[in-house]
Amino acid sequence: MNSQRILALVKKDLKHMVREPALLFLILLFPVVLTLAFGFSFGAVGGAQQTTFQIGVVNANENSLYPQYAQDFIANITSTEILIVEPYADNQTAQLDLAQGKIQALLLIPADFGASCNAFQTAPDNPDQWINTTVSLYLDSGSMVATQAIPPIIQQVLAAAIYGDQQATVPRPIQIGTPSLVEVTKQTMFDYMAPGLFAYAAIFLTMTVAQSFTTDRENGLLRRISVTPTTATEFMASQVLSNMIIAVAQAVLIFVMAYVVGYRPDVGVGIYAFAFVLVLLFSLCNVGFGLITATIAKSSGAATGLSFLFILPQMFLGTFVGAALSSAAQTAGRFVPSYYVTDALTSLLLRKAPVTSPIVLLDFAVVSLASVVVLAFGILLFRKYGKA
């Protein structure tokens, strides 16, 4: 066995790797991106997951006597870091959200809450001067954890804020009413995942486009096209159009399959049309990512691996993995276009938000801008460096 020949072959392989940027990026960056994507998504980075509950609060004492007591009560609830307070202006809206499962509990603070607290603070030993009142509490009957965990937390916060160190056996003017259990409209896990599936499918256009362009370049097709009357603009337009057809087919196929397994969003035809337009815009963005990948990669095999540098962050940070994301990952997700697609589709199909709602329009604007910028950059980069 000739050691010189072995060393020569090793040297040759190392030179090939260094001179092929796609292989170098794939070897060095892909493990990094994969590790970070899993770490951010499942809580290894950004802190461990903590169980929290969304609790709606209707403060009728806000415009009555001594409103500071209700404000302090709400602030103490927030400080628990277990109950996330969602303020509501009226009981009807809050009850509707509770019935839809958007919040796990509802707390109604009566108008005489402040007066009752003040009367107790003024004469804690004279029950004749107290003003008795009741704080109403409604709970999601479908959540066993919420029904067991929330009432004692509310009771403890109220006792600490109003009564201080007094024993529980001492009569008190303010009581937490017997929790009312509300039957909540339950969604399946698939109902929450479905909006992200549309974005998930479009993401893989990055790999398709990258493989297509690198294969055409390897076969000499791009060089042959360049000597025909076909302009570069015509060629790029044909590629974009063909991928848009693929994107439409993917979106239709996903919805059909979702319908088959029982997905029935209660929305109109206009919402579906808007959703398809949004997915098409996002597909343009992934065509741009595919062109960037094809520019860097020098072979179809390298393009396949390199495309995951764009696929993985969008897949884990911006699609249906949202329920498992840490707080740091939720923030990082705002930097990938797929996040805004999923957010808009969730608002439209799950929350039944209108197309004109501010959050949907903002998501649409971000996706549109990202798609135009990434596609334009991908076309310019490939036209300049990708055909060789």
Protein backbone atom coordinates (compact mmCIF):
# COMPACT_ATOMS: atom_id res chain seq x y z
CA MET A 1 0.00 0.00 0.00
CA ASN A 2 1.55 3.25 -1.20
CA SER A 3 1.17 5.98 1.37
CA GLN A 4 2.10 8.69 -1.13
CA ARG A 5 -0.74 7.77 -3.44
CA ILE A 6 -3.12 7.68 -0.50
CA LEU A 7 -2.00 11.12 0.63
CA ALA A 8 -2.26 12.41 -2.93
CA LEU A 9 -5.84 11.18 -3.19
CA VAL A 10 -6.69 12.72 0.18
CA LYS A 11 -5.17 16.01 -0.96
CA LYS A 12 -7.14 15.85 -4.19
CA ASP A 13 -10.41 15.25 -2.34
CA LEU A 14 -9.76 18.10 0.09
CA LYS A 15 -8.99 20.47 -2.78
CA HIS A 16 -12.18 19.44 -4.55
CA MET A 17 -14.20 20.11 -1.43
CA VAL A 18 -12.63 23.53 -0.88
CA ARG A 19 -13.08 24.51 -4.52
CA GLU A 20 -16.74 23.40 -4.53
CA PRO A 21 -18.57 25.94 -2.31
CA ALA A 22 -21.80 23.94 -2.28
CA LEU A 23 -20.08 20.88 -0.80
CA LEU A 24 -18.26 23.04 1.71
CA PHE A 25 -21.48 24.76 2.75
CA LEU A 26 -23.32 21.45 2.88
CA ILE A 27 -20.69 19.81 5.07
CA LEU A 28 -20.24 22.74 7.44
CA LEU A 29 -23.50 24.67 7.47
CA PHE A 30 -26.15 21.99 7.09
CA PRO A 31 -25.41 20.34 10.48
CA VAL A 32 -25.38 23.79 12.08
CA VAL A 33 -28.71 24.81 10.56
CA LEU A 34 -30.28 21.45 11.39
CA THR A 35 -29.13 21.61 15.02
CA LEU A 36 -30.25 25.21 15.48
CA ALA A 37 -33.61 24.56 13.84
CA PHE A 38 -34.36 21.65 16.17
CA GLY A 39 -32.94 23.49 19.15
CA PHE A 40 -34.99 26.64 18.63
CA SER A 41 -38.12 24.73 17.73
CA PHE A 42 -38.23 22.33 20.64
CA GLY A 43 -36.90 24.50 23.43
CA ALA A 44 -33.24 23.53 23.80
CA VAL A 45 -32.43 27.16 22.93
CA GLY A 46 -34.45 29.97 24.44
CA GLY A 47 -35.64 28.32 27.64
CA ALA A 48 -37.81 25.42 28.67
CA GLN A 49 -41.50 25.33 27.96
CA GLN A 50 -43.87 26.38 30.75
CA THR A 51 -47.57 25.66 31.03
CA THR A 52 -49.57 28.87 30.80
CA PHE A 53 -53.27 29.67 30.52
CA GLN A 54 -54.97 32.49 28.66
CA ILE A 55 -57.50 34.17 30.96
CA GLY A 56 -59.86 36.88 29.80
CA VAL A 57 -60.67 39.71 32.21
CA VAL A 58 -63.67 42.05 32.02
CA ASN A 59 -63.08 44.91 34.48
CA ALA A 60 -66.42 46.58 35.23
CA ASN A 61 -64.74 48.51 38.06
CA GLU A 62 -62.56 50.45 35.65
CA ASN A 63 -64.88 53.49 35.61
CA SER A 64 -66.28 53.08 39.13
CA LEU A 65 -65.06 53.96 42.62
CA TYR A 66 -61.52 53.00 43.66
CA PRO A 67 -60.41 51.41 40.34
CA GLN A 68 -56.86 50.97 41.63
CA TYR A 69 -57.88 47.85 43.58
CA ALA A 70 -58.99 46.05 40.40
CA GLN A 71 -55.87 47.23 38.60
CA ASP A 72 -53.66 45.84 41.35
CA PHE A 73 -55.63 42.58 41.31
CA ILE A 74 -55.09 42.18 37.55
CA ALA A 75 -51.41 43.09 37.87
CA ASN A 76 -50.95 40.42 40.55
CA ILE A 77 -52.60 37.84 38.28
CA THR A 78 -50.18 38.76 35.49
CA SER A 79 -47.18 38.51 37.83
CA THR A 80 -47.86 34.81 38.40
CA GLU A 81 -46.48 34.20 34.86
CA ILE A 82 -48.87 31.25 34.64
CA LEU A 83 -52.01 33.18 33.79
CA ILE A 84 -51.73 35.36 30.69
CA VAL A 85 -54.31 38.16 30.99
CA GLU A 86 -56.33 39.15 27.93
CA PRO A 87 -58.42 42.28 28.69
CA TYR A 88 -61.93 42.49 27.20
CA ALA A 89 -64.25 45.47 26.96
CA ASP A 90 -67.46 43.48 27.37
CA ASN A 91 -68.69 40.14 28.64
CA GLN A 92 -70.31 39.07 25.36
CA THR A 93 -67.08 39.19 23.34
CA ALA A 94 -65.17 37.44 26.09
CA GLN A 95 -67.78 34.67 26.40
CA LEU A 96 -67.61 34.13 22.64
CA ASP A 97 -63.84 33.70 22.71
CA LEU A 98 -64.12 31.33 25.67
CA ALA A 99 -66.70 29.26 23.78
CA GLN A 100 -64.30 29.02 20.83
CA GLY A 101 -61.39 27.93 23.01
CA LYS A 102 -59.30 31.06 22.45
CA ILE A 103 -59.03 31.57 26.22
CA GLN A 104 -59.17 28.96 29.00
CA ALA A 105 -60.94 31.08 31.62
CA LEU A 106 -62.90 34.32 32.05
CA LEU A 107 -62.88 36.57 35.12
CA LEU A 108 -65.61 39.17 35.62
CA ILE A 109 -64.66 41.90 38.10
CA PRO A 110 -67.86 43.63 39.32
CA ALA A 111 -68.34 47.40 39.39
CA ASP A 112 -68.40 47.49 43.21
CA PHE A 113 -65.11 45.59 43.54
CA GLY A 114 -63.12 48.73 44.46
CA ALA A 115 -65.75 49.95 46.89
CA SER A 116 -65.78 46.56 48.60
CA CYS A 117 -62.00 46.50 48.90
CA ASN A 118 -61.90 50.04 50.25
CA ALA A 119 -64.63 49.32 52.81
CA PHE A 120 -62.68 46.31 54.04
CA GLN A 121 -59.41 48.23 54.23
CA THR A 122 -61.12 51.06 56.12
CA ALA A 123 -62.79 48.83 58.71
CA PRO A 124 -61.30 45.32 58.56
CA ASP A 125 -62.78 44.40 61.96
CA ASN A 126 -66.30 45.75 61.37
CA PRO A 127 -68.26 43.48 58.99
CA ASP A 128 -71.29 45.78 59.26
CA GLN A 129 -69.49 48.36 57.10
CA TRP A 130 -68.35 45.91 54.44
CA ILE A 131 -69.77 45.79 50.92
CA ASN A 132 -70.10 42.15 49.88
CA THR A 133 -69.45 41.31 46.25
CA THR A 134 -68.62 38.30 44.08
CA VAL A 135 -66.03 37.91 41.32
CA SER A 136 -67.42 35.58 38.64
CA LEU A 137 -65.18 32.94 37.12
CA TYR A 138 -65.91 30.91 33.98
CA LEU A 139 -63.75 27.95 32.92
CA ASP A 140 -63.28 25.83 29.81
CA SER A 141 -64.99 22.56 30.76
CA GLY A 142 -63.03 20.70 28.09
CA SER A 143 -59.69 21.41 29.78
CA MET A 144 -59.23 19.32 32.91
CA VAL A 145 -55.96 21.06 33.73
CA ALA A 146 -57.53 24.53 33.47
CA THR A 147 -60.49 23.65 35.68
CA GLN A 148 -58.17 22.32 38.39
CA ALA A 149 -55.33 24.83 38.21
CA ILE A 150 -56.92 28.24 37.64
CA PRO A 151 -59.42 28.62 40.57
CA PRO A 152 -56.85 28.13 43.38
CA ILE A 153 -54.44 30.52 41.67
CA ILE A 154 -57.12 33.22 41.42
CA GLN A 155 -58.16 32.61 45.03
CA GLN A 156 -54.57 32.85 46.22
CA VAL A 157 -53.89 36.06 44.29
CA LEU A 158 -57.09 37.66 45.61
CA ALA A 159 -56.28 36.70 49.20
CA ALA A 160 -52.73 38.03 48.97
CA ALA A 161 -53.78 41.29 47.31
CA ILE A 162 -56.79 42.17 49.50
CA TYR A 163 -56.58 40.28 52.76
CA GLY A 164 -52.86 39.96 53.30
CA ASP A 165 -51.91 37.56 56.10
CA GLN A 166 -55.40 37.05 57.51
CA GLN A 167 -56.51 33.47 58.01
CA ALA A 168 -58.86 31.89 55.51
CA THR A 169 -61.42 31.30 58.27
CA VAL A 170 -61.95 35.05 58.75
CA PRO A 171 -65.14 36.31 57.01
CA ARG A 172 -64.40 38.16 53.78
CA PRO A 173 -66.51 40.61 51.78
CA ILE A 174 -65.13 39.55 48.38
CA GLN A 175 -65.63 35.99 47.18
CA ILE A 176 -64.76 34.05 44.04
CA GLY A 177 -68.02 32.66 42.74
CA THR A 178 -68.43 28.97 42.05
CA PRO A 179 -66.68 28.48 38.69
CA SER A 180 -69.09 28.09 35.79
CA LEU A 181 -68.01 25.46 33.30
CA VAL A 182 -68.44 26.49 29.68
CA GLU A 183 -68.63 23.94 26.87
CA VAL A 184 -65.98 24.99 24.40
CA THR A 185 -66.00 24.28 20.67
CA LYS A 186 -63.09 21.91 20.32
CA GLN A 187 -60.68 21.82 17.41
CA THR A 188 -58.65 18.77 16.48
CA MET A 189 -54.88 18.97 16.29
CA PHE A 190 -55.15 18.71 12.52
CA ASP A 191 -57.38 21.81 12.44
CA TYR A 192 -54.52 23.77 13.95
CA MET A 193 -51.93 22.16 11.66
CA ALA A 194 -53.82 22.50 8.37
CA PRO A 195 -53.01 26.19 7.66
CA GLY A 196 -49.30 25.43 8.02
CA LEU A 197 -49.53 22.54 5.56
CA PHE A 198 -50.08 24.92 2.66
CA ALA A 199 -46.87 26.78 3.46
CA TYR A 200 -45.07 23.51 4.17
CA ALA A 201 -45.73 22.17 0.68
CA ALA A 202 -44.68 25.38 -1.06
CA ILE A 203 -41.36 25.42 0.80
CA PHE A 204 -40.12 22.39 -1.10
CA LEU A 205 -40.32 24.29 -4.37
CA THR A 206 -36.87 25.52 -3.35
CA MET A 207 -35.45 22.02 -3.87
CA THR A 208 -37.43 21.42 -7.06
CA VAL A 209 -36.24 24.63 -8.69
CA ALA A 210 -32.63 24.15 -7.59
CA GLN A 211 -32.52 20.59 -8.94
CA SER A 212 -34.17 21.59 -12.20
CA PHE A 213 -31.78 24.42 -13.00
CA THR A 214 -28.63 22.55 -12.00
CA THR A 215 -29.68 19.50 -14.02
CA ASP A 216 -30.33 21.67 -17.10
CA ARG A 217 -26.95 23.26 -16.65
CA GLU A 218 -25.19 19.89 -16.28
CA ASN A 219 -26.87 18.61 -19.44
CA GLY A 220 -25.87 21.70 -21.40
CA LEU A 221 -29.48 22.75 -21.93
CA LEU A 222 -28.93 26.28 -20.66
CA ARG A 223 -26.00 26.73 -23.02
CA ARG A 224 -28.04 25.51 -25.99
CA ILE A 225 -30.96 27.77 -25.11
CA SER A 226 -28.62 30.76 -24.98
CA VAL A 227 -27.83 30.37 -28.72
CA THR A 228 -31.51 30.36 -29.70
CA PRO A 229 -33.72 33.42 -30.19
CA THR A 230 -35.23 32.80 -26.72
CA THR A 231 -34.32 35.64 -24.38
CA ALA A 232 -33.27 35.19 -20.77
CA THR A 233 -36.43 37.01 -19.65
CA GLU A 234 -38.60 34.58 -21.58
CA PHE A 235 -36.81 31.61 -20.16
CA MET A 236 -37.11 32.88 -16.57
CA ALA A 237 -40.78 33.74 -17.07
CA SER A 238 -41.49 30.23 -18.32
CA GLN A 239 -39.77 28.75 -15.28
CA VAL A 240 -41.73 30.96 -12.89
CA LEU A 241 -45.01 30.13 -14.61
CA SER A 242 -44.39 26.38 -14.57
CA ASN A 243 -43.59 26.49 -10.86
CA MET A 244 -46.72 28.52 -10.17
CA ILE A 245 -48.74 25.75 -11.83
CA ILE A 246 -47.03 23.25 -9.54
CA ALA A 247 -47.81 25.45 -6.53
CA VAL A 248 -51.51 25.63 -7.44
CA ALA A 249 -51.63 21.87 -7.91
CA GLN A 250 -49.99 21.35 -4.51
CA ALA A 251 -52.41 23.71 -2.75
CA VAL A 252 -55.44 22.07 -4.37
CA LEU A 253 -54.15 18.60 -3.55
CA ILE A 254 -53.52 19.47 0.09
CA PHE A 255 -56.96 21.00 0.53
CA VAL A 256 -58.64 18.03 -1.14
CA MET A 257 -56.80 15.59 1.10
CA ALA A 258 -57.54 17.74 4.16
CA TYR A 259 -61.20 17.74 3.22
CA VAL A 260 -61.13 13.97 2.86
CA VAL A 261 -59.81 13.54 6.42
CA GLY A 262 -62.48 15.88 7.82
CA TYR A 263 -61.09 19.41 7.64
CA ARG A 264 -64.09 21.75 7.20
CA PRO A 265 -63.22 25.41 7.77
CA ASP A 266 -66.42 27.46 7.95
CA VAL A 267 -65.36 30.22 5.53
CA GLY A 268 -66.57 31.58 2.21
CA VAL A 269 -65.23 31.19 -1.31
CA GLY A 270 -63.52 34.58 -1.13
CA ILE A 271 -61.37 33.40 1.78
CA TYR A 272 -60.26 30.35 -0.18
CA ALA A 273 -59.38 32.51 -3.19
CA PHE A 274 -57.34 34.87 -1.03
CA ALA A 275 -55.58 31.90 0.59
CA PHE A 276 -54.58 30.54 -2.84
CA VAL A 277 -53.21 33.95 -3.89
CA LEU A 278 -51.18 34.10 -0.70
CA VAL A 279 -49.73 30.63 -1.28
CA LEU A 280 -48.84 31.56 -4.88
CA LEU A 281 -46.99 34.66 -3.70
CA PHE A 282 -45.09 32.57 -1.20
CA SER A 283 -44.24 30.11 -3.98
CA LEU A 284 -42.54 32.94 -5.87
CA CYS A 285 -40.35 33.47 -2.83
CA ASN A 286 -39.29 29.83 -2.84
CA VAL A 287 -38.56 29.96 -6.56
CA GLY A 288 -36.15 32.77 -5.69
CA PHE A 289 -34.53 30.65 -3.00
CA GLY A 290 -34.23 27.83 -5.53
CA LEU A 291 -32.42 30.12 -7.99
CA ILE A 292 -30.02 31.23 -5.27
CA THR A 293 -29.35 27.58 -4.45
CA ALA A 294 -28.82 26.70 -8.11
CA THR A 295 -26.34 29.56 -8.45
CA ILE A 296 -24.19 28.24 -5.62
CA ALA A 297 -24.53 24.51 -6.34
CA LYS A 298 -22.56 23.01 -9.20
CA SER A 299 -24.42 19.70 -9.33
CA SER A 300 -27.96 18.50 -8.79
CA GLY A 301 -26.88 16.37 -5.83
CA ALA A 302 -25.31 19.34 -4.10
CA ALA A 303 -28.38 21.44 -4.88
CA THR A 304 -30.58 18.93 -3.08
CA GLY A 305 -28.61 19.17 0.14
CA LEU A 306 -27.95 22.89 -0.08
CA SER A 307 -31.63 23.68 -0.56
CA PHE A 308 -32.28 22.46 2.99
CA LEU A 309 -30.42 25.49 4.28
CA PHE A 310 -33.48 27.46 3.13
CA ILE A 311 -36.05 24.72 3.77
CA LEU A 312 -35.34 23.79 7.39
CA PRO A 313 -35.60 27.24 9.01
CA GLN A 314 -38.89 27.90 7.21
CA MET A 315 -40.21 24.43 7.94
CA PHE A 316 -39.51 24.45 11.68
CA LEU A 317 -39.96 28.14 12.47
CA GLY A 318 -42.82 29.08 10.19
CA THR A 319 -45.25 26.19 9.66
CA PHE A 320 -47.36 23.90 11.85
CA VAL A 321 -44.63 23.22 14.44
CA GLY A 322 -45.69 26.42 16.21
CA ALA A 323 -47.26 24.64 19.19
CA ALA A 324 -43.85 23.26 20.21
CA LEU A 325 -41.87 26.46 19.70
CA SER A 326 -40.01 28.17 22.52
CA SER A 327 -40.39 31.91 23.01
CA ALA A 328 -37.04 32.52 21.33
CA ALA A 329 -38.11 30.44 18.32
CA GLN A 330 -41.37 32.37 18.01
CA THR A 331 -39.34 35.55 17.74
CA ALA A 332 -36.93 33.98 15.24
CA GLY A 333 -39.88 32.77 13.17
CA ARG A 334 -40.76 36.35 12.28
CA PHE A 335 -37.67 36.46 10.09
CA VAL A 336 -38.85 33.69 7.72
CA PRO A 337 -41.58 34.28 5.09
CA SER A 338 -43.43 31.04 5.86
CA TYR A 339 -44.33 32.40 9.32
CA TYR A 340 -46.49 35.12 7.80
CA VAL A 341 -48.18 32.71 5.40
CA THR A 342 -49.11 30.36 8.24
CA ASP A 343 -50.19 33.26 10.46
CA ALA A 344 -52.48 34.69 7.77
CA LEU A 345 -54.01 31.32 6.89
CA THR A 346 -54.56 30.56 10.58
CA SER A 347 -56.39 33.86 11.01
CA LEU A 348 -58.49 33.27 7.90
CA LEU A 349 -59.31 29.56 8.21
CA LEU A 350 -59.19 28.97 11.96
CA ARG A 351 -60.08 32.29 13.58
CA LYS A 352 -62.45 33.25 10.71
CA ALA A 353 -60.90 36.70 10.44
CA PRO A 354 -61.98 38.79 7.42
CA VAL A 355 -59.55 39.48 4.60
CA THR A 356 -59.57 43.16 5.54
CA SER A 357 -58.41 42.58 9.13
CA PRO A 358 -55.12 44.40 9.91
CA ILE A 359 -53.18 41.27 10.86
CA VAL A 360 -54.07 39.51 7.58
CA LEU A 361 -53.22 42.56 5.49
CA LEU A 362 -49.89 42.93 7.31
CA ASP A 363 -49.02 39.28 6.69
CA PHE A 364 -49.99 39.64 3.03
CA ALA A 365 -47.80 42.73 2.66
CA VAL A 366 -44.78 41.04 4.24
CA VAL A 367 -45.13 37.93 2.06
CA SER A 368 -45.55 40.06 -1.08
CA LEU A 369 -42.48 42.17 -0.32
CA ALA A 370 -40.34 39.16 0.59
CA SER A 371 -41.39 37.30 -2.56
CA VAL A 372 -40.58 40.19 -4.88
CA VAL A 373 -37.20 40.87 -3.26
CA VAL A 374 -36.07 37.23 -3.05
CA LEU A 375 -37.27 36.35 -6.57
CA ALA A 376 -35.61 39.43 -8.11
CA PHE A 377 -32.37 38.73 -6.26
CA GLY A 378 -32.45 35.06 -7.30
CA ILE A 379 -33.01 35.90 -10.98
CA LEU A 380 -30.23 38.50 -11.05
CA LEU A 381 -27.82 36.21 -9.23
CA PHE A 382 -28.51 33.22 -11.48
CA ARG A 383 -28.34 35.24 -14.70
CA LYS A 384 -24.95 36.62 -13.69
CA TYR A 385 -23.27 33.62 -12.09
CA GLY A 386 -25.46 30.56 -12.43
CA LYS A 387 -25.23 29.62 -16.10
CA ALA A 388 -21.55 28.81 -16.19
